[in-house]
PDB file of all heavy atoms in Angstrom:
ATOM      1  N   ALA A   1     -61.966  33.620  -0.229  1.00  0.00           N
ATOM      2  CA  ALA A   1     -62.058  34.421   0.955  1.00  0.00           C
ATOM      3  C   ALA A   1     -62.261  33.623   2.188  1.00  0.00           C
ATOM      4  O   ALA A   1     -61.599  33.916   3.226  1.00  0.00           O
ATOM      5  CB  ALA A   1     -63.136  35.461   0.812  1.00  0.00           C
ATOM      6  N   ALA A   2     -63.047  32.616   2.137  1.00  0.00           N
ATOM      7  CA  ALA A   2     -63.319  31.741   3.348  1.00  0.00           C
ATOM      8  C   ALA A   2     -62.081  30.986   3.753  1.00  0.00           C
ATOM      9  O   ALA A   2     -61.760  30.874   4.931  1.00  0.00           O
ATOM     10  CB  ALA A   2     -64.441  30.770   3.002  1.00  0.00           C
ATOM     11  N   LEU A   3     -61.362  30.552   2.755  1.00  0.00           N
ATOM     12  CA  LEU A   3     -60.150  29.800   2.904  1.00  0.00           C
ATOM     13  C   LEU A   3     -59.045  30.610   3.553  1.00  0.00           C
ATOM     14  O   LEU A   3     -58.341  30.154   4.447  1.00  0.00           O
ATOM     15  CB  LEU A   3     -59.677  29.018   1.678  1.00  0.00           C
ATOM     16  CG  LEU A   3     -60.512  27.878   1.106  1.00  0.00           C
ATOM     17  CD1 LEU A   3     -60.093  27.465  -0.250  1.00  0.00           C
ATOM     18  CD2 LEU A   3     -60.399  26.715   2.098  1.00  0.00           C
ATOM     19  N   LEU A   4     -58.872  31.825   3.013  1.00  0.00           N
ATOM     20  CA  LEU A   4     -57.866  32.774   3.473  1.00  0.00           C
ATOM     21  C   LEU A   4     -58.101  33.140   5.026  1.00  0.00           C
ATOM     22  O   LEU A   4     -57.263  33.229   5.788  1.00  0.00           O
ATOM     23  CB  LEU A   4     -57.809  33.968   2.653  1.00  0.00           C
ATOM     24  CG  LEU A   4     -57.114  33.746   1.245  1.00  0.00           C
ATOM     25  CD1 LEU A   4     -57.192  35.053   0.524  1.00  0.00           C
ATOM     26  CD2 LEU A   4     -55.681  33.276   1.408  1.00  0.00           C
ATOM     27  N   LYS A   5     -59.422  33.306   5.334  1.00  0.00           N
ATOM     28  CA  LYS A   5     -59.855  33.604   6.651  1.00  0.00           C
ATOM     29  C   LYS A   5     -59.509  32.500   7.695  1.00  0.00           C
ATOM     30  O   LYS A   5     -58.963  32.677   8.729  1.00  0.00           O
ATOM     31  CB  LYS A   5     -61.310  34.022   6.736  1.00  0.00           C
ATOM     32  CG  LYS A   5     -61.773  34.328   8.146  1.00  0.00           C
ATOM     33  CD  LYS A   5     -63.228  34.671   8.185  1.00  0.00           C
ATOM     34  CE  LYS A   5     -63.638  35.010   9.623  1.00  0.00           C
ATOM     35  NZ  LYS A   5     -65.152  35.299   9.682  1.00  0.00           N
ATOM     36  N   GLN A   6     -59.849  31.338   7.230  1.00  0.00           N
ATOM     37  CA  GLN A   6     -59.478  30.010   7.986  1.00  0.00           C
ATOM     38  C   GLN A   6     -58.065  29.920   8.095  1.00  0.00           C
ATOM     39  O   GLN A   6     -57.586  29.573   9.201  1.00  0.00           O
ATOM     40  CB  GLN A   6     -60.103  28.874   7.307  1.00  0.00           C
ATOM     41  CG  GLN A   6     -60.089  27.567   8.210  1.00  0.00           C
ATOM     42  CD  GLN A   6     -60.737  26.380   7.495  1.00  0.00           C
ATOM     43  OE1 GLN A   6     -60.964  26.450   6.324  1.00  0.00           O
ATOM     44  NE2 GLN A   6     -61.149  25.426   8.268  1.00  0.00           N
ATOM     45  N   ALA A   7     -57.262  30.122   7.141  1.00  0.00           N
ATOM     46  CA  ALA A   7     -55.911  30.003   7.154  1.00  0.00           C
ATOM     47  C   ALA A   7     -55.212  30.925   8.168  1.00  0.00           C
ATOM     48  O   ALA A   7     -54.303  30.620   8.881  1.00  0.00           O
ATOM     49  CB  ALA A   7     -55.224  30.255   5.796  1.00  0.00           C
ATOM     50  N   GLU A   8     -55.807  32.193   8.069  1.00  0.00           N
ATOM     51  CA  GLU A   8     -55.248  33.238   8.984  1.00  0.00           C
ATOM     52  C   GLU A   8     -55.441  32.883  10.485  1.00  0.00           C
ATOM     53  O   GLU A   8     -54.716  33.134  11.348  1.00  0.00           O
ATOM     54  CB  GLU A   8     -55.868  34.607   8.664  1.00  0.00           C
ATOM     55  CG  GLU A   8     -55.461  35.669   9.528  1.00  0.00           C
ATOM     56  CD  GLU A   8     -54.006  36.040   9.623  1.00  0.00           C
ATOM     57  OE1 GLU A   8     -53.222  35.598   8.681  1.00  0.00           O
ATOM     58  OE2 GLU A   8     -53.490  36.614  10.591  1.00  0.00           O
ATOM     59  N   GLU A   9     -56.767  32.358  10.709  1.00  0.00           N
ATOM     60  CA  GLU A   9     -57.062  32.076  12.099  1.00  0.00           C
ATOM     61  C   GLU A   9     -56.115  30.898  12.676  1.00  0.00           C
ATOM     62  O   GLU A   9     -55.661  30.877  13.738  1.00  0.00           O
ATOM     63  CB  GLU A   9     -58.553  31.587  12.118  1.00  0.00           C
ATOM     64  CG  GLU A   9     -59.574  32.723  11.924  1.00  0.00           C
ATOM     65  CD  GLU A   9     -60.928  32.308  11.836  1.00  0.00           C
ATOM     66  OE1 GLU A   9     -61.110  30.995  11.857  1.00  0.00           O
ATOM     67  OE2 GLU A   9     -61.845  33.042  11.820  1.00  0.00           O
ATOM     68  N   THR A  10     -55.925  29.955  11.736  1.00  0.00           N
ATOM     69  CA  THR A  10     -55.016  28.850  12.072  1.00  0.00           C
ATOM     70  C   THR A  10     -53.590  29.354  12.259  1.00  0.00           C
ATOM     71  O   THR A  10     -52.906  28.888  13.221  1.00  0.00           O
ATOM     72  CB  THR A  10     -55.009  27.784  10.884  1.00  0.00           C
ATOM     73  OG1 THR A  10     -56.283  27.314  10.764  1.00  0.00           O
ATOM     74  CG2 THR A  10     -54.135  26.618  11.273  1.00  0.00           C
ATOM     75  N   ARG A  11     -53.191  30.259  11.469  1.00  0.00           N
ATOM     76  CA  ARG A  11     -51.754  30.817  11.538  1.00  0.00           C
ATOM     77  C   ARG A  11     -51.729  31.448  12.954  1.00  0.00           C
ATOM     78  O   ARG A  11     -50.627  31.239  13.632  1.00  0.00           O
ATOM     79  CB  ARG A  11     -51.575  31.847  10.452  1.00  0.00           C
ATOM     80  CG  ARG A  11     -50.148  32.356  10.389  1.00  0.00           C
ATOM     81  CD  ARG A  11     -49.967  33.291   9.284  1.00  0.00           C
ATOM     82  NE  ARG A  11     -50.507  34.591   9.510  1.00  0.00           N
ATOM     83  CZ  ARG A  11     -50.041  35.643  10.195  1.00  0.00           C
ATOM     84  NH1 ARG A  11     -48.766  35.406  10.539  1.00  0.00           N
ATOM     85  NH2 ARG A  11     -50.626  36.771  10.327  1.00  0.00           N
ATOM     86  N   GLN A  12     -52.564  32.213  13.323  1.00  0.00           N
ATOM     87  CA  GLN A  12     -52.536  32.937  14.642  1.00  0.00           C
ATOM     88  C   GLN A  12     -52.521  31.944  15.790  1.00  0.00           C
ATOM     89  O   GLN A  12     -51.734  32.093  16.790  1.00  0.00           O
ATOM     90  CB  GLN A  12     -53.691  33.967  14.855  1.00  0.00           C
ATOM     91  CG  GLN A  12     -53.570  35.137  13.755  1.00  0.00           C
ATOM     92  CD  GLN A  12     -52.320  36.050  13.991  1.00  0.00           C
ATOM     93  OE1 GLN A  12     -51.820  36.033  15.105  1.00  0.00           O
ATOM     94  NE2 GLN A  12     -51.920  36.534  12.970  1.00  0.00           N
ATOM     95  N   GLN A  13     -53.415  30.852  15.712  1.00  0.00           N
ATOM     96  CA  GLN A  13     -53.347  29.957  16.760  1.00  0.00           C
ATOM     97  C   GLN A  13     -52.028  29.242  16.960  1.00  0.00           C
ATOM     98  O   GLN A  13     -51.508  28.994  17.976  1.00  0.00           O
ATOM     99  CB  GLN A  13     -54.512  28.886  16.524  1.00  0.00           C
ATOM    100  CG  GLN A  13     -55.898  29.516  16.551  1.00  0.00           C
ATOM    101  CD  GLN A  13     -57.028  28.610  16.175  1.00  0.00           C
ATOM    102  OE1 GLN A  13     -56.678  27.359  15.798  1.00  0.00           O
ATOM    103  NE2 GLN A  13     -58.244  29.039  16.211  1.00  0.00           N
ATOM    104  N   LEU A  14     -51.530  28.757  15.778  1.00  0.00           N
ATOM    105  CA  LEU A  14     -50.251  28.003  15.786  1.00  0.00           C
ATOM    106  C   LEU A  14     -49.044  28.962  16.222  1.00  0.00           C
ATOM    107  O   LEU A  14     -48.183  28.419  16.992  1.00  0.00           O
ATOM    108  CB  LEU A  14     -49.970  27.478  14.426  1.00  0.00           C
ATOM    109  CG  LEU A  14     -50.928  26.419  13.957  1.00  0.00           C
ATOM    110  CD1 LEU A  14     -50.689  26.096  12.424  1.00  0.00           C
ATOM    111  CD2 LEU A  14     -50.537  25.142  14.744  1.00  0.00           C
ATOM    112  N   LYS A  15     -49.219  30.287  15.935  1.00  0.00           N
ATOM    113  CA  LYS A  15     -48.159  31.159  16.329  1.00  0.00           C
ATOM    114  C   LYS A  15     -48.083  31.247  17.828  1.00  0.00           C
ATOM    115  O   LYS A  15     -46.977  31.327  18.412  1.00  0.00           O
ATOM    116  CB  LYS A  15     -48.368  32.584  15.622  1.00  0.00           C
ATOM    117  CG  LYS A  15     -47.233  33.523  16.022  1.00  0.00           C
ATOM    118  CD  LYS A  15     -47.465  34.872  15.327  1.00  0.00           C
ATOM    119  CE  LYS A  15     -46.359  35.818  15.641  1.00  0.00           C
ATOM    120  NZ  LYS A  15     -46.599  37.141  14.978  1.00  0.00           N
ATOM    121  N   GLN A  16     -49.335  31.339  18.439  1.00  0.00           N
ATOM    122  CA  GLN A  16     -49.261  31.461  19.990  1.00  0.00           C
ATOM    123  C   GLN A  16     -48.759  30.225  20.553  1.00  0.00           C
ATOM    124  O   GLN A  16     -48.111  30.331  21.588  1.00  0.00           O
ATOM    125  CB  GLN A  16     -50.780  31.826  20.355  1.00  0.00           C
ATOM    126  CG  GLN A  16     -51.272  33.074  19.938  1.00  0.00           C
ATOM    127  CD  GLN A  16     -50.426  34.300  20.495  1.00  0.00           C
ATOM    128  OE1 GLN A  16     -49.991  34.297  21.665  1.00  0.00           O
ATOM    129  NE2 GLN A  16     -50.029  35.279  19.707  1.00  0.00           N
ATOM    130  N   GLN A  17     -49.144  29.104  20.052  1.00  0.00           N
ATOM    131  CA  GLN A  17     -48.672  27.828  20.531  1.00  0.00           C
ATOM    132  C   GLN A  17     -47.111  27.658  20.412  1.00  0.00           C
ATOM    133  O   GLN A  17     -46.486  27.202  21.271  1.00  0.00           O
ATOM    134  CB  GLN A  17     -49.372  26.692  19.918  1.00  0.00           C
ATOM    135  CG  GLN A  17     -50.749  26.638  20.086  1.00  0.00           C
ATOM    136  CD  GLN A  17     -51.499  25.617  19.300  1.00  0.00           C
ATOM    137  OE1 GLN A  17     -50.878  24.762  18.531  1.00  0.00           O
ATOM    138  NE2 GLN A  17     -52.829  25.489  19.327  1.00  0.00           N
ATOM    139  N   THR A  18     -46.578  28.184  19.373  1.00  0.00           N
ATOM    140  CA  THR A  18     -45.172  28.178  19.002  1.00  0.00           C
ATOM    141  C   THR A  18     -44.330  28.950  19.994  1.00  0.00           C
ATOM    142  O   THR A  18     -43.152  28.632  20.290  1.00  0.00           O
ATOM    143  CB  THR A  18     -44.917  28.488  17.547  1.00  0.00           C
ATOM    144  OG1 THR A  18     -45.755  27.707  16.641  1.00  0.00           O
ATOM    145  CG2 THR A  18     -43.433  28.317  17.199  1.00  0.00           C
ATOM    146  N   ILE A  19     -44.779  30.198  20.379  1.00  0.00           N
ATOM    147  CA  ILE A  19     -44.104  31.046  21.151  1.00  0.00           C
ATOM    148  C   ILE A  19     -43.596  30.422  22.393  1.00  0.00           C
ATOM    149  O   ILE A  19     -42.425  30.696  23.009  1.00  0.00           O
ATOM    150  CB  ILE A  19     -44.916  32.281  21.546  1.00  0.00           C
ATOM    151  CG1 ILE A  19     -45.180  33.152  20.227  1.00  0.00           C
ATOM    152  CG2 ILE A  19     -44.225  33.141  22.636  1.00  0.00           C
ATOM    153  CD1 ILE A  19     -46.027  34.363  20.405  1.00  0.00           C
ATOM    154  N   GLY A  20     -44.394  29.503  22.975  1.00  0.00           N
ATOM    155  CA  GLY A  20     -43.968  28.797  24.137  1.00  0.00           C
ATOM    156  C   GLY A  20     -42.705  27.885  24.048  1.00  0.00           C
ATOM    157  O   GLY A  20     -42.201  27.521  25.022  1.00  0.00           O
ATOM    158  N   ILE A  21     -42.385  27.521  22.820  1.00  0.00           N
ATOM    159  CA  ILE A  21     -41.286  26.666  22.643  1.00  0.00           C
ATOM    160  C   ILE A  21     -39.984  27.255  23.022  1.00  0.00           C
ATOM    161  O   ILE A  21     -39.003  26.658  23.595  1.00  0.00           O
ATOM    162  CB  ILE A  21     -41.175  26.113  21.131  1.00  0.00           C
ATOM    163  CG1 ILE A  21     -42.403  25.316  20.831  1.00  0.00           C
ATOM    164  CG2 ILE A  21     -39.923  25.416  20.933  1.00  0.00           C
ATOM    165  CD1 ILE A  21     -42.401  24.803  19.345  1.00  0.00           C
ATOM    166  N   GLY A  22     -39.816  28.534  22.805  1.00  0.00           N
ATOM    167  CA  GLY A  22     -38.566  29.214  23.157  1.00  0.00           C
ATOM    168  C   GLY A  22     -37.944  29.862  21.979  1.00  0.00           C
ATOM    169  O   GLY A  22     -37.367  29.182  21.121  1.00  0.00           O
ATOM    170  N   SER A  23     -38.043  31.233  21.809  1.00  0.00           N
ATOM    171  CA  SER A  23     -37.534  31.888  20.529  1.00  0.00           C
ATOM    172  C   SER A  23     -36.069  31.812  20.448  1.00  0.00           C
ATOM    173  O   SER A  23     -35.518  32.217  19.517  1.00  0.00           O
ATOM    174  CB  SER A  23     -38.096  33.293  20.533  1.00  0.00           C
ATOM    175  OG  SER A  23     -37.754  33.997  21.705  1.00  0.00           O
ATOM    176  N   LYS A  24     -35.277  31.536  21.480  1.00  0.00           N
ATOM    177  CA  LYS A  24     -33.857  31.613  21.495  1.00  0.00           C
ATOM    178  C   LYS A  24     -33.287  30.380  20.655  1.00  0.00           C
ATOM    179  O   LYS A  24     -32.118  30.429  20.192  1.00  0.00           O
ATOM    180  CB  LYS A  24     -33.277  31.648  22.840  1.00  0.00           C
ATOM    181  CG  LYS A  24     -33.480  32.998  23.553  1.00  0.00           C
ATOM    182  CD  LYS A  24     -32.790  32.957  24.881  1.00  0.00           C
ATOM    183  CE  LYS A  24     -33.126  34.298  25.638  1.00  0.00           C
ATOM    184  NZ  LYS A  24     -32.373  34.333  26.913  1.00  0.00           N
ATOM    185  N   ASP A  25     -34.043  29.344  20.557  1.00  0.00           N
ATOM    186  CA  ASP A  25     -33.548  28.201  19.926  1.00  0.00           C
ATOM    187  C   ASP A  25     -33.706  28.343  18.418  1.00  0.00           C
ATOM    188  O   ASP A  25     -34.694  28.951  17.886  1.00  0.00           O
ATOM    189  CB  ASP A  25     -34.351  26.924  20.358  1.00  0.00           C
ATOM    190  CG  ASP A  25     -33.846  25.626  19.767  1.00  0.00           C
ATOM    191  OD1 ASP A  25     -34.116  25.353  18.621  1.00  0.00           O
ATOM    192  OD2 ASP A  25     -33.083  24.949  20.552  1.00  0.00           O
ATOM    193  N   GLN A  26     -32.656  27.955  17.735  1.00  0.00           N
ATOM    194  CA  GLN A  26     -32.653  28.040  16.228  1.00  0.00           C
ATOM    195  C   GLN A  26     -33.793  27.351  15.566  1.00  0.00           C
ATOM    196  O   GLN A  26     -34.437  27.937  14.604  1.00  0.00           O
ATOM    197  CB  GLN A  26     -31.342  27.497  15.647  1.00  0.00           C
ATOM    198  CG  GLN A  26     -31.280  27.639  14.181  1.00  0.00           C
ATOM    199  CD  GLN A  26     -29.860  27.145  13.580  1.00  0.00           C
ATOM    200  OE1 GLN A  26     -28.956  27.049  14.298  1.00  0.00           O
ATOM    201  NE2 GLN A  26     -29.846  26.886  12.358  1.00  0.00           N
ATOM    202  N   GLY A  27     -34.143  26.201  16.103  1.00  0.00           N
ATOM    203  CA  GLY A  27     -35.386  25.503  15.535  1.00  0.00           C
ATOM    204  C   GLY A  27     -36.641  26.159  15.789  1.00  0.00           C
ATOM    205  O   GLY A  27     -37.482  26.312  14.931  1.00  0.00           O
ATOM    206  N   ALA A  28     -36.784  26.829  16.906  1.00  0.00           N
ATOM    207  CA  ALA A  28     -37.937  27.643  17.221  1.00  0.00           C
ATOM    208  C   ALA A  28     -38.051  28.919  16.364  1.00  0.00           C
ATOM    209  O   ALA A  28     -39.057  29.252  15.892  1.00  0.00           O
ATOM    210  CB  ALA A  28     -37.953  28.033  18.711  1.00  0.00           C
ATOM    211  N   ARG A  29     -36.909  29.538  16.118  1.00  0.00           N
ATOM    212  CA  ARG A  29     -36.915  30.619  15.142  1.00  0.00           C
ATOM    213  C   ARG A  29     -37.309  30.273  13.847  1.00  0.00           C
ATOM    214  O   ARG A  29     -37.942  31.056  13.133  1.00  0.00           O
ATOM    215  CB  ARG A  29     -35.448  31.262  15.141  1.00  0.00           C
ATOM    216  CG  ARG A  29     -35.067  31.817  16.526  1.00  0.00           C
ATOM    217  CD  ARG A  29     -33.873  32.916  16.242  1.00  0.00           C
ATOM    218  NE  ARG A  29     -32.773  32.227  15.559  1.00  0.00           N
ATOM    219  CZ  ARG A  29     -31.851  31.599  16.211  1.00  0.00           C
ATOM    220  NH1 ARG A  29     -31.838  31.515  17.567  1.00  0.00           N
ATOM    221  NH2 ARG A  29     -30.809  31.068  15.539  1.00  0.00           N
TER     222      ARG A  29
END
């Protein structure tokens, strides 16, 4: 449970950072 919670927090952080790259680019998608 602790690992899954930590993974979800990391996933959300990385997702927000990734949005700035530009969703129109194939690599970003």
